[in-house]
Amino acid sequence: VADLLNISIQNCHAVIQDGDKERWFRQTTGLAMGKSYSPVVADLY
């Protein structure tokens, strides 16, 4: 469970439509807003 949580946290990415161009971003630190486990992990820490 801890290992899979680590994998999910390290791979939070999404796209933005900037005009006609798609731009992809990845969150490199902390917890992502939108992940259902983020409030639980933050509360425990």
All heavy atoms as atom14 arrays in JSON, in Angstrom:
{
  "sequence": "VADLLNISIQNCHAVIQDGDKERWFRQTTGLAMGKSYSPVVADLY",
  "atom14_mask": [
    [1, 1, 1, 1, 1, 1, 1, 0, 0, 0, 0, 0, 0, 0],
    [1, 1, 1, 1, 1, 0, 0, 0, 0, 0, 0, 0, 0, 0],
    [1, 1, 1, 1, 1, 1, 1, 1, 0, 0, 0, 0, 0, 0],
    [1, 1, 1, 1, 1, 1, 1, 1, 0, 0, 0, 0, 0, 0],
    [1, 1, 1, 1, 1, 1, 1, 1, 0, 0, 0, 0, 0, 0],
    [1, 1, 1, 1, 1, 1, 1, 1, 0, 0, 0, 0, 0, 0],
    [1, 1, 1, 1, 1, 1, 1, 1, 0, 0, 0, 0, 0, 0],
    [1, 1, 1, 1, 1, 1, 0, 0, 0, 0, 0, 0, 0, 0],
    [1, 1, 1, 1, 1, 1, 1, 1, 0, 0, 0, 0, 0, 0],
    [1, 1, 1, 1, 1, 1, 1, 1, 1, 0, 0, 0, 0, 0],
    [1, 1, 1, 1, 1, 1, 1, 1, 0, 0, 0, 0, 0, 0],
    [1, 1, 1, 1, 1, 1, 0, 0, 0, 0, 0, 0, 0, 0],
    [1, 1, 1, 1, 1, 1, 1, 1, 1, 1, 0, 0, 0, 0],
    [1, 1, 1, 1, 1, 0, 0, 0, 0, 0, 0, 0, 0, 0],
    [1, 1, 1, 1, 1, 1, 1, 0, 0, 0, 0, 0, 0, 0],
    [1, 1, 1, 1, 1, 1, 1, 1, 0, 0, 0, 0, 0, 0],
    [1, 1, 1, 1, 1, 1, 1, 1, 1, 0, 0, 0, 0, 0],
    [1, 1, 1, 1, 1, 1, 1, 1, 0, 0, 0, 0, 0, 0],
    [1, 1, 1, 1, 0, 0, 0, 0, 0, 0, 0, 0, 0, 0],
    [1, 1, 1, 1, 1, 1, 1, 1, 0, 0, 0, 0, 0, 0],
    [1, 1, 1, 1, 1, 1, 1, 1, 1, 0, 0, 0, 0, 0],
    [1, 1, 1, 1, 1, 1, 1, 1, 1, 0, 0, 0, 0, 0],
    [1, 1, 1, 1, 1, 1, 1, 1, 1, 1, 1, 0, 0, 0],
    [1, 1, 1, 1, 1, 1, 1, 1, 1, 1, 1, 1, 1, 1],
    [1, 1, 1, 1, 1, 1, 1, 1, 1, 1, 1, 0, 0, 0],
    [1, 1, 1, 1, 1, 1, 1, 1, 1, 1, 1, 0, 0, 0],
    [1, 1, 1, 1, 1, 1, 1, 1, 1, 0, 0, 0, 0, 0],
    [1, 1, 1, 1, 1, 1, 1, 0, 0, 0, 0, 0, 0, 0],
    [1, 1, 1, 1, 1, 1, 1, 0, 0, 0, 0, 0, 0, 0],
    [1, 1, 1, 1, 0, 0, 0, 0, 0, 0, 0, 0, 0, 0],
    [1, 1, 1, 1, 1, 1, 1, 1, 0, 0, 0, 0, 0, 0],
    [1, 1, 1, 1, 1, 0, 0, 0, 0, 0, 0, 0, 0, 0],
    [1, 1, 1, 1, 1, 1, 1, 1, 0, 0, 0, 0, 0, 0],
    [1, 1, 1, 1, 0, 0, 0, 0, 0, 0, 0, 0, 0, 0],
    [1, 1, 1, 1, 1, 1, 1, 1, 1, 0, 0, 0, 0, 0],
    [1, 1, 1, 1, 1, 1, 0, 0, 0, 0, 0, 0, 0, 0],
    [1, 1, 1, 1, 1, 1, 1, 1, 1, 1, 1, 1, 0, 0],
    [1, 1, 1, 1, 1, 1, 0, 0, 0, 0, 0, 0, 0, 0],
    [1, 1, 1, 1, 1, 1, 1, 0, 0, 0, 0, 0, 0, 0],
    [1, 1, 1, 1, 1, 1, 1, 0, 0, 0, 0, 0, 0, 0],
    [1, 1, 1, 1, 1, 1, 1, 0, 0, 0, 0, 0, 0, 0],
    [1, 1, 1, 1, 1, 0, 0, 0, 0, 0, 0, 0, 0, 0],
    [1, 1, 1, 1, 1, 1, 1, 1, 0, 0, 0, 0, 0, 0],
    [1, 1, 1, 1, 1, 1, 1, 1, 0, 0, 0, 0, 0, 0],
    [1, 1, 1, 1, 1, 1, 1, 1, 1, 1, 1, 1, 0, 0]
  ],
  "atom14_positions": [
    [[0.84, -1.2, 0.0], [0.0, 0.0, 0.0], [0.87, 1.25, 0.0], [0.63, 2.2, -0.75], [-0.95, 0.0, 1.22], [-1.69, 1.33, 1.31], [-1.94, -1.15, 1.13], [0.0, 0.0, 0.0], [0.0, 0.0, 0.0], [0.0, 0.0, 0.0], [0.0, 0.0, 0.0], [0.0, 0.0, 0.0], [0.0, 0.0, 0.0], [0.0, 0.0, 0.0]],
    [[1.91, 1.26, 0.85], [2.81, 2.42, 0.92], [3.55, 2.61, -0.4], [3.73, 3.75, -0.86], [3.79, 2.25, 2.08], [0.0, 0.0, 0.0], [0.0, 0.0, 0.0], [0.0, 0.0, 0.0], [0.0, 0.0, 0.0], [0.0, 0.0, 0.0], [0.0, 0.0, 0.0], [0.0, 0.0, 0.0], [0.0, 0.0, 0.0], [0.0, 0.0, 0.0]],
    [[4.01, 1.52, -1.03], [4.73, 1.61, -2.29], [3.83, 2.14, -3.41], [4.26, 2.99, -4.21], [5.3, 0.25, -2.68], [6.42, -0.21, -1.76], [7.02, 0.65, -1.09], [6.68, -1.43, -1.69], [0.0, 0.0, 0.0], [0.0, 0.0, 0.0], [0.0, 0.0, 0.0], [0.0, 0.0, 0.0], [0.0, 0.0, 0.0], [0.0, 0.0, 0.0]],
    [[2.61, 1.64, -3.49], [1.69, 2.11, -4.52], [1.3, 3.57, -4.29], [1.11, 4.33, -5.25], [0.44, 1.22, -4.56], [0.67, -0.21, -5.06], [-0.59, -1.05, -4.86], [1.08, -0.21, -6.53], [0.0, 0.0, 0.0], [0.0, 0.0, 0.0], [0.0, 0.0, 0.0], [0.0, 0.0, 0.0], [0.0, 0.0, 0.0], [0.0, 0.0, 0.0]],
    [[1.19, 3.95, -3.03], [0.91, 5.36, -2.72], [2.05, 6.24, -3.21], [1.83, 7.31, -3.8], [0.71, 5.53, -1.21], [0.52, 6.95, -0.71], [-0.76, 7.56, -1.28], [0.48, 6.99, 0.82], [0.0, 0.0, 0.0], [0.0, 0.0, 0.0], [0.0, 0.0, 0.0], [0.0, 0.0, 0.0], [0.0, 0.0, 0.0], [0.0, 0.0, 0.0]],
    [[3.28, 5.8, -3.0], [4.44, 6.55, -3.47], [4.44, 6.69, -4.99], [4.71, 7.77, -5.53], [5.72, 5.85, -3.0], [6.97, 6.62, -3.39], [7.0, 7.84, -3.3], [7.99, 5.91, -3.82], [0.0, 0.0, 0.0], [0.0, 0.0, 0.0], [0.0, 0.0, 0.0], [0.0, 0.0, 0.0], [0.0, 0.0, 0.0], [0.0, 0.0, 0.0]],
    [[4.11, 5.61, -5.7], [4.07, 5.65, -7.16], [3.02, 6.64, -7.65], [3.26, 7.43, -8.56], [3.79, 4.24, -7.72], [4.95, 3.3, -7.41], [3.52, 4.28, -9.21], [4.66, 1.85, -7.69], [0.0, 0.0, 0.0], [0.0, 0.0, 0.0], [0.0, 0.0, 0.0], [0.0, 0.0, 0.0], [0.0, 0.0, 0.0], [0.0, 0.0, 0.0]],
    [[1.85, 6.61, -7.02], [0.78, 7.52, -7.44], [1.14, 8.97, -7.18], [0.9, 9.85, -8.02], [-0.52, 7.15, -6.71], [-1.57, 8.0, -7.08], [0.0, 0.0, 0.0], [0.0, 0.0, 0.0], [0.0, 0.0, 0.0], [0.0, 0.0, 0.0], [0.0, 0.0, 0.0], [0.0, 0.0, 0.0], [0.0, 0.0, 0.0], [0.0, 0.0, 0.0]],
    [[1.73, 9.24, -6.01], [2.09, 10.63, -5.67], [3.14, 11.17, -6.63], [3.1, 12.35, -7.03], [2.61, 10.7, -4.22], [1.44, 10.48, -3.23], [3.27, 12.04, -3.93], [1.86, 10.43, -1.79], [0.0, 0.0, 0.0], [0.0, 0.0, 0.0], [0.0, 0.0, 0.0], [0.0, 0.0, 0.0], [0.0, 0.0, 0.0], [0.0, 0.0, 0.0]],
    [[4.08, 10.32, -7.03], [5.16, 10.77, -7.91], [4.73, 10.93, -9.36], [5.53, 11.38, -10.19], [6.33, 9.76, -7.84], [6.96, 9.62, -6.48], [7.5, 10.94, -5.94], [8.09, 11.72, -6.67], [7.27, 11.19, -4.66], [0.0, 0.0, 0.0], [0.0, 0.0, 0.0], [0.0, 0.0, 0.0], [0.0, 0.0, 0.0], [0.0, 0.0, 0.0]],
    [[3.5, 10.55, -9.68], [3.05, 10.62, -11.07], [1.72, 11.36, -11.17], [0.69, 10.78, -11.52], [2.91, 9.22, -11.66], [4.25, 8.53, -11.87], [4.88, 8.68, -12.91], [4.7, 7.78, -10.87], [0.0, 0.0, 0.0], [0.0, 0.0, 0.0], [0.0, 0.0, 0.0], [0.0, 0.0, 0.0], [0.0, 0.0, 0.0], [0.0, 0.0, 0.0]],
    [[1.75, 12.63, -10.8], [0.58, 13.49, -10.92], [0.81, 14.46, -12.07], [1.65, 15.35, -11.98], [0.33, 14.26, -9.61], [-0.11, 13.2, -8.23], [0.0, 0.0, 0.0], [0.0, 0.0, 0.0], [0.0, 0.0, 0.0], [0.0, 0.0, 0.0], [0.0, 0.0, 0.0], [0.0, 0.0, 0.0], [0.0, 0.0, 0.0], [0.0, 0.0, 0.0]],
    [[0.12, 14.25, -13.17], [0.32, 15.1, -14.34], [-1.01, 15.38, -15.0], [-1.99, 14.63, -14.86], [1.27, 14.44, -15.34], [1.2, 12.95, -15.35], [0.1, 12.24, -15.8], [2.08, 12.02, -14.94], [0.32, 10.95, -15.68], [1.51, 10.77, -15.15], [0.0, 0.0, 0.0], [0.0, 0.0, 0.0], [0.0, 0.0, 0.0], [0.0, 0.0, 0.0]],
    [[-1.08, 16.48, -15.74], [-2.3, 16.89, -16.44], [-1.91, 17.83, -17.57], [-0.75, 18.22, -17.72], [-3.28, 17.56, -15.48], [0.0, 0.0, 0.0], [0.0, 0.0, 0.0], [0.0, 0.0, 0.0], [0.0, 0.0, 0.0], [0.0, 0.0, 0.0], [0.0, 0.0, 0.0], [0.0, 0.0, 0.0], [0.0, 0.0, 0.0], [0.0, 0.0, 0.0]],
    [[-2.9, 18.18, -18.38], [-2.66, 18.96, -19.59], [-3.43, 20.27, -19.52], [-4.47, 20.37, -18.85], [-3.06, 18.14, -20.85], [-4.57, 17.92, -20.87], [-2.61, 18.83, -22.12], [0.0, 0.0, 0.0], [0.0, 0.0, 0.0], [0.0, 0.0, 0.0], [0.0, 0.0, 0.0], [0.0, 0.0, 0.0], [0.0, 0.0, 0.0], [0.0, 0.0, 0.0]],
    [[-2.93, 21.28, -20.23], [-3.62, 22.56, -20.39], [-3.7, 22.87, -21.88], [-2.7, 22.71, -22.61], [-2.88, 23.69, -19.65], [-3.03, 23.53, -18.15], [-3.43, 25.05, -20.07], [-2.36, 24.63, -17.37], [0.0, 0.0, 0.0], [0.0, 0.0, 0.0], [0.0, 0.0, 0.0], [0.0, 0.0, 0.0], [0.0, 0.0, 0.0], [0.0, 0.0, 0.0]],
    [[-4.87, 23.29, -22.34], [-5.04, 23.7, -23.73], [-4.73, 25.18, -23.84], [-5.54, 26.03, -23.48], [-6.47, 23.41, -24.2], [-6.7, 23.59, -25.69], [-6.0, 22.51, -26.5], [-5.91, 21.36, -26.07], [-5.51, 22.88, -27.68], [0.0, 0.0, 0.0], [0.0, 0.0, 0.0], [0.0, 0.0, 0.0], [0.0, 0.0, 0.0], [0.0, 0.0, 0.0]],
    [[-3.53, 25.51, -24.3], [-3.08, 26.9, -24.45], [-3.23, 27.31, -25.91], [-2.33, 27.12, -26.73], [-1.62, 27.02, -24.0], [-1.14, 28.46, -23.98], [-1.98, 29.36, -24.15], [0.08, 28.69, -23.8], [0.0, 0.0, 0.0], [0.0, 0.0, 0.0], [0.0, 0.0, 0.0], [0.0, 0.0, 0.0], [0.0, 0.0, 0.0], [0.0, 0.0, 0.0]],
    [[-4.4, 27.84, -26.24], [-4.69, 28.13, -27.64], [-4.85, 26.85, -28.43], [-5.65, 25.98, -28.09], [0.0, 0.0, 0.0], [0.0, 0.0, 0.0], [0.0, 0.0, 0.0], [0.0, 0.0, 0.0], [0.0, 0.0, 0.0], [0.0, 0.0, 0.0], [0.0, 0.0, 0.0], [0.0, 0.0, 0.0], [0.0, 0.0, 0.0], [0.0, 0.0, 0.0]],
    [[-4.05, 26.69, -29.48], [-4.06, 25.46, -30.29], [-3.04, 24.45, -29.8], [-2.89, 23.38, -30.4], [-3.78, 25.79, -31.77], [-4.86, 26.68, -32.36], [-6.02, 26.59, -31.88], [-4.56, 27.47, -33.28], [0.0, 0.0, 0.0], [0.0, 0.0, 0.0], [0.0, 0.0, 0.0], [0.0, 0.0, 0.0], [0.0, 0.0, 0.0], [0.0, 0.0, 0.0]],
    [[-2.34, 24.77, -28.74], [-1.24, 23.93, -28.27], [-1.6, 23.27, -26.95], [-2.17, 23.88, -26.06], [0.01, 24.81, -28.09], [1.22, 24.08, -27.56], [2.37, 25.05, -27.35], [3.59, 24.36, -26.75], [4.68, 25.34, -26.47], [0.0, 0.0, 0.0], [0.0, 0.0, 0.0], [0.0, 0.0, 0.0], [0.0, 0.0, 0.0], [0.0, 0.0, 0.0]],
    [[-1.25, 21.98, -26.85], [-1.4, 21.26, -25.6], [-0.1, 21.31, -24.82], [0.98, 21.04, -25.37], [-1.81, 19.8, -25.84], [-3.24, 19.62, -26.3], [-3.62, 18.16, -26.37], [-2.71, 17.32, -26.62], [-4.81, 17.84, -26.19], [0.0, 0.0, 0.0], [0.0, 0.0, 0.0], [0.0, 0.0, 0.0], [0.0, 0.0, 0.0], [0.0, 0.0, 0.0]],
    [[-0.18, 21.63, -23.52], [1.01, 21.7, -22.67], [0.79, 20.8, -21.46], [-0.21, 20.91, -20.76], [1.27, 23.14, -22.24], [1.52, 24.08, -23.4], [1.63, 25.53, -22.96], [2.78, 25.75, -22.08], [3.11, 26.94, -21.57], [2.38, 28.01, -21.86], [4.15, 27.06, -20.77], [0.0, 0.0, 0.0], [0.0, 0.0, 0.0], [0.0, 0.0, 0.0]],
    [[1.75, 19.9, -21.23], [1.65, 18.94, -20.15], [2.51, 19.39, -18.97], [3.65, 19.87, -19.15], [2.11, 17.56, -20.61], [1.16, 16.92, -21.58], [0.06, 16.17, -21.31], [1.26, 16.98, -23.0], [-0.55, 15.75, -22.46], [0.17, 16.24, -23.53], [2.14, 17.57, -23.9], [-0.06, 16.08, -24.88], [1.93, 17.42, -25.25], [0.83, 16.68, -25.73]],
    [[1.98, 19.21, -17.78], [2.68, 19.58, -16.56], [2.64, 18.41, -15.58], [1.69, 17.64, -15.55], [2.04, 20.81, -15.91], [2.27, 22.09, -16.65], [1.45, 22.43, -17.73], [3.3, 22.94, -16.3], [1.65, 23.6, -18.42], [3.51, 24.12, -16.98], [2.68, 24.45, -18.05], [0.0, 0.0, 0.0], [0.0, 0.0, 0.0], [0.0, 0.0, 0.0]],
    [[3.7, 18.34, -14.76], [3.78, 17.33, -13.71], [4.07, 18.0, -12.39], [4.9, 18.92, -12.32], [4.89, 16.31, -14.02], [4.97, 15.17, -13.0], [6.02, 14.14, -13.43], [7.36, 14.62, -13.18], [8.03, 14.44, -12.04], [7.44, 13.79, -11.03], [9.26, 14.89, -11.89], [0.0, 0.0, 0.0], [0.0, 0.0, 0.0], [0.0, 0.0, 0.0]],
    [[3.38, 17.58, -11.33], [3.64, 18.12, -10.0], [4.83, 17.4, -9.41], [4.87, 16.17, -9.34], [2.42, 17.96, -9.09], [2.59, 18.62, -7.73], [1.29, 18.76, -6.97], [0.23, 18.74, -7.56], [1.38, 18.92, -5.66], [0.0, 0.0, 0.0], [0.0, 0.0, 0.0], [0.0, 0.0, 0.0], [0.0, 0.0, 0.0], [0.0, 0.0, 0.0]],
    [[5.82, 18.16, -8.98], [7.09, 17.57, -8.53], [7.22, 17.52, -7.02], [8.06, 16.77, -6.51], [8.27, 18.38, -9.11], [8.15, 19.75, -8.7], [8.27, 18.31, -10.63], [0.0, 0.0, 0.0], [0.0, 0.0, 0.0], [0.0, 0.0, 0.0], [0.0, 0.0, 0.0], [0.0, 0.0, 0.0], [0.0, 0.0, 0.0], [0.0, 0.0, 0.0]],
    [[6.45, 18.31, -6.3], [6.56, 18.31, -4.84], [5.16, 18.24, -4.22], [4.18, 18.71, -4.8], [7.27, 19.58, -4.32], [6.49, 20.73, -4.66], [8.65, 19.71, -4.91], [0.0, 0.0, 0.0], [0.0, 0.0, 0.0], [0.0, 0.0, 0.0], [0.0, 0.0, 0.0], [0.0, 0.0, 0.0], [0.0, 0.0, 0.0], [0.0, 0.0, 0.0]],
    [[5.11, 17.7, -3.03], [3.88, 17.71, -2.27], [2.79, 16.82, -2.83], [3.04, 15.91, -3.64], [0.0, 0.0, 0.0], [0.0, 0.0, 0.0], [0.0, 0.0, 0.0], [0.0, 0.0, 0.0], [0.0, 0.0, 0.0], [0.0, 0.0, 0.0], [0.0, 0.0, 0.0], [0.0, 0.0, 0.0], [0.0, 0.0, 0.0], [0.0, 0.0, 0.0]],
    [[1.57, 17.08, -2.39], [0.39, 16.3, -2.76], [-0.46, 17.1, -3.73], [-0.55, 18.32, -3.64], [-0.43, 15.96, -1.52], [0.29, 15.18, -0.42], [-0.54, 15.17, 0.86], [0.58, 13.76, -0.87], [0.0, 0.0, 0.0], [0.0, 0.0, 0.0], [0.0, 0.0, 0.0], [0.0, 0.0, 0.0], [0.0, 0.0, 0.0], [0.0, 0.0, 0.0]],
    [[-1.09, 16.39, -4.65], [-1.9, 17.04, -5.67], [-3.32, 17.26, -5.17], [-3.93, 16.36, -4.61], [-1.92, 16.19, -6.94], [0.0, 0.0, 0.0], [0.0, 0.0, 0.0], [0.0, 0.0, 0.0], [0.0, 0.0, 0.0], [0.0, 0.0, 0.0], [0.0, 0.0, 0.0], [0.0, 0.0, 0.0], [0.0, 0.0, 0.0], [0.0, 0.0, 0.0]],
    [[-3.82, 18.47, -5.38], [-5.24, 18.72, -5.16], [-6.02, 17.94, -6.21], [-5.7, 17.99, -7.39], [-5.54, 20.2, -5.27], [-4.93, 21.06, -4.19], [-5.74, 20.84, -2.6], [-7.35, 21.53, -2.95], [0.0, 0.0, 0.0], [0.0, 0.0, 0.0], [0.0, 0.0, 0.0], [0.0, 0.0, 0.0], [0.0, 0.0, 0.0], [0.0, 0.0, 0.0]],
    [[-7.04, 17.23, -5.78], [-7.83, 16.42, -6.7], [-7.69, 14.94, -6.45], [-8.57, 14.17, -6.82], [0.0, 0.0, 0.0], [0.0, 0.0, 0.0], [0.0, 0.0, 0.0], [0.0, 0.0, 0.0], [0.0, 0.0, 0.0], [0.0, 0.0, 0.0], [0.0, 0.0, 0.0], [0.0, 0.0, 0.0], [0.0, 0.0, 0.0], [0.0, 0.0, 0.0]],
    [[-6.58, 14.52, -5.85], [-6.41, 13.12, -5.48], [-7.15, 12.87, -4.16], [-6.97, 13.61, -3.19], [-4.92, 12.78, -5.29], [-4.08, 12.95, -6.55], [-4.33, 11.82, -7.54], [-3.34, 11.9, -8.7], [-3.54, 10.81, -9.66], [0.0, 0.0, 0.0], [0.0, 0.0, 0.0], [0.0, 0.0, 0.0], [0.0, 0.0, 0.0], [0.0, 0.0, 0.0]],
    [[-7.96, 11.83, -4.13], [-8.81, 11.61, -2.96], [-8.02, 11.28, -1.7], [-8.51, 11.52, -0.58], [-9.81, 10.49, -3.25], [-9.15, 9.29, -3.6], [0.0, 0.0, 0.0], [0.0, 0.0, 0.0], [0.0, 0.0, 0.0], [0.0, 0.0, 0.0], [0.0, 0.0, 0.0], [0.0, 0.0, 0.0], [0.0, 0.0, 0.0], [0.0, 0.0, 0.0]],
    [[-6.8, 10.76, -1.84], [-6.02, 10.42, -0.65], [-5.24, 11.61, -0.1], [-4.7, 11.54, 1.01], [-5.05, 9.27, -0.94], [-4.12, 9.5, -2.11], [-3.12, 10.46, -2.08], [-4.22, 8.74, -3.27], [-2.27, 10.68, -3.13], [-3.37, 8.94, -4.35], [-2.4, 9.91, -4.27], [-1.57, 10.12, -5.33], [0.0, 0.0, 0.0], [0.0, 0.0, 0.0]],
    [[-5.14, 12.71, -0.84], [-4.31, 13.83, -0.41], [-4.73, 14.41, 0.93], [-3.87, 14.64, 1.79], [-4.31, 14.93, -1.49], [-3.64, 14.49, -2.66], [0.0, 0.0, 0.0], [0.0, 0.0, 0.0], [0.0, 0.0, 0.0], [0.0, 0.0, 0.0], [0.0, 0.0, 0.0], [0.0, 0.0, 0.0], [0.0, 0.0, 0.0], [0.0, 0.0, 0.0]],
    [[-6.03, 14.66, 1.2], [-6.4, 15.17, 2.53], [-6.05, 14.21, 3.65], [-5.65, 14.65, 4.74], [-7.92, 15.37, 2.42], [-8.2, 15.48, 0.97], [-7.2, 14.6, 0.29], [0.0, 0.0, 0.0], [0.0, 0.0, 0.0], [0.0, 0.0, 0.0], [0.0, 0.0, 0.0], [0.0, 0.0, 0.0], [0.0, 0.0, 0.0], [0.0, 0.0, 0.0]],
    [[-6.16, 12.9, 3.4], [-5.85, 11.91, 4.45], [-4.36, 11.89, 4.74], [-3.94, 11.89, 5.89], [-6.35, 10.51, 4.03], [-6.16, 9.53, 5.18], [-7.8, 10.55, 3.59], [0.0, 0.0, 0.0], [0.0, 0.0, 0.0], [0.0, 0.0, 0.0], [0.0, 0.0, 0.0], [0.0, 0.0, 0.0], [0.0, 0.0, 0.0], [0.0, 0.0, 0.0]],
    [[-3.54, 11.88, 3.68], [-2.09, 11.87, 3.86], [-1.63, 13.14, 4.56], [-0.8, 13.1, 5.48], [-1.38, 11.71, 2.5], [0.13, 11.83, 2.66], [-1.73, 10.36, 1.87], [0.0, 0.0, 0.0], [0.0, 0.0, 0.0], [0.0, 0.0, 0.0], [0.0, 0.0, 0.0], [0.0, 0.0, 0.0], [0.0, 0.0, 0.0], [0.0, 0.0, 0.0]],
    [[-2.15, 14.29, 4.14], [-1.77, 15.56, 4.77], [-2.16, 15.58, 6.24], [-1.4, 16.06, 7.09], [-2.41, 16.72, 4.02], [0.0, 0.0, 0.0], [0.0, 0.0, 0.0], [0.0, 0.0, 0.0], [0.0, 0.0, 0.0], [0.0, 0.0, 0.0], [0.0, 0.0, 0.0], [0.0, 0.0, 0.0], [0.0, 0.0, 0.0], [0.0, 0.0, 0.0]],
    [[-3.34, 15.07, 6.54], [-3.81, 15.06, 7.93], [-2.91, 14.19, 8.8], [-2.54, 14.56, 9.92], [-5.25, 14.55, 7.98], [-5.86, 14.7, 9.36], [-5.77, 15.79, 9.94], [-6.44, 13.72, 9.86], [0.0, 0.0, 0.0], [0.0, 0.0, 0.0], [0.0, 0.0, 0.0], [0.0, 0.0, 0.0], [0.0, 0.0, 0.0], [0.0, 0.0, 0.0]],
    [[-2.52, 13.02, 8.29], [-1.65, 12.12, 9.05], [-0.27, 12.74, 9.26], [0.31, 12.62, 10.35], [-1.53, 10.78, 8.33], [-2.82, 9.94, 8.27], [-2.63, 8.74, 7.35], [-3.22, 9.48, 9.66], [0.0, 0.0, 0.0], [0.0, 0.0, 0.0], [0.0, 0.0, 0.0], [0.0, 0.0, 0.0], [0.0, 0.0, 0.0], [0.0, 0.0, 0.0]],
    [[0.26, 13.4, 8.23], [1.58, 14.02, 8.4], [1.52, 15.18, 9.39], [2.41, 15.34, 10.24], [2.14, 14.51, 7.07], [3.47, 15.22, 7.26], [4.64, 14.49, 7.45], [3.54, 16.61, 7.32], [5.85, 15.14, 7.67], [4.74, 17.26, 7.54], [5.88, 16.51, 7.72], [7.08, 17.15, 7.95], [0.0, 0.0, 0.0], [0.0, 0.0, 0.0]]
  ]
}
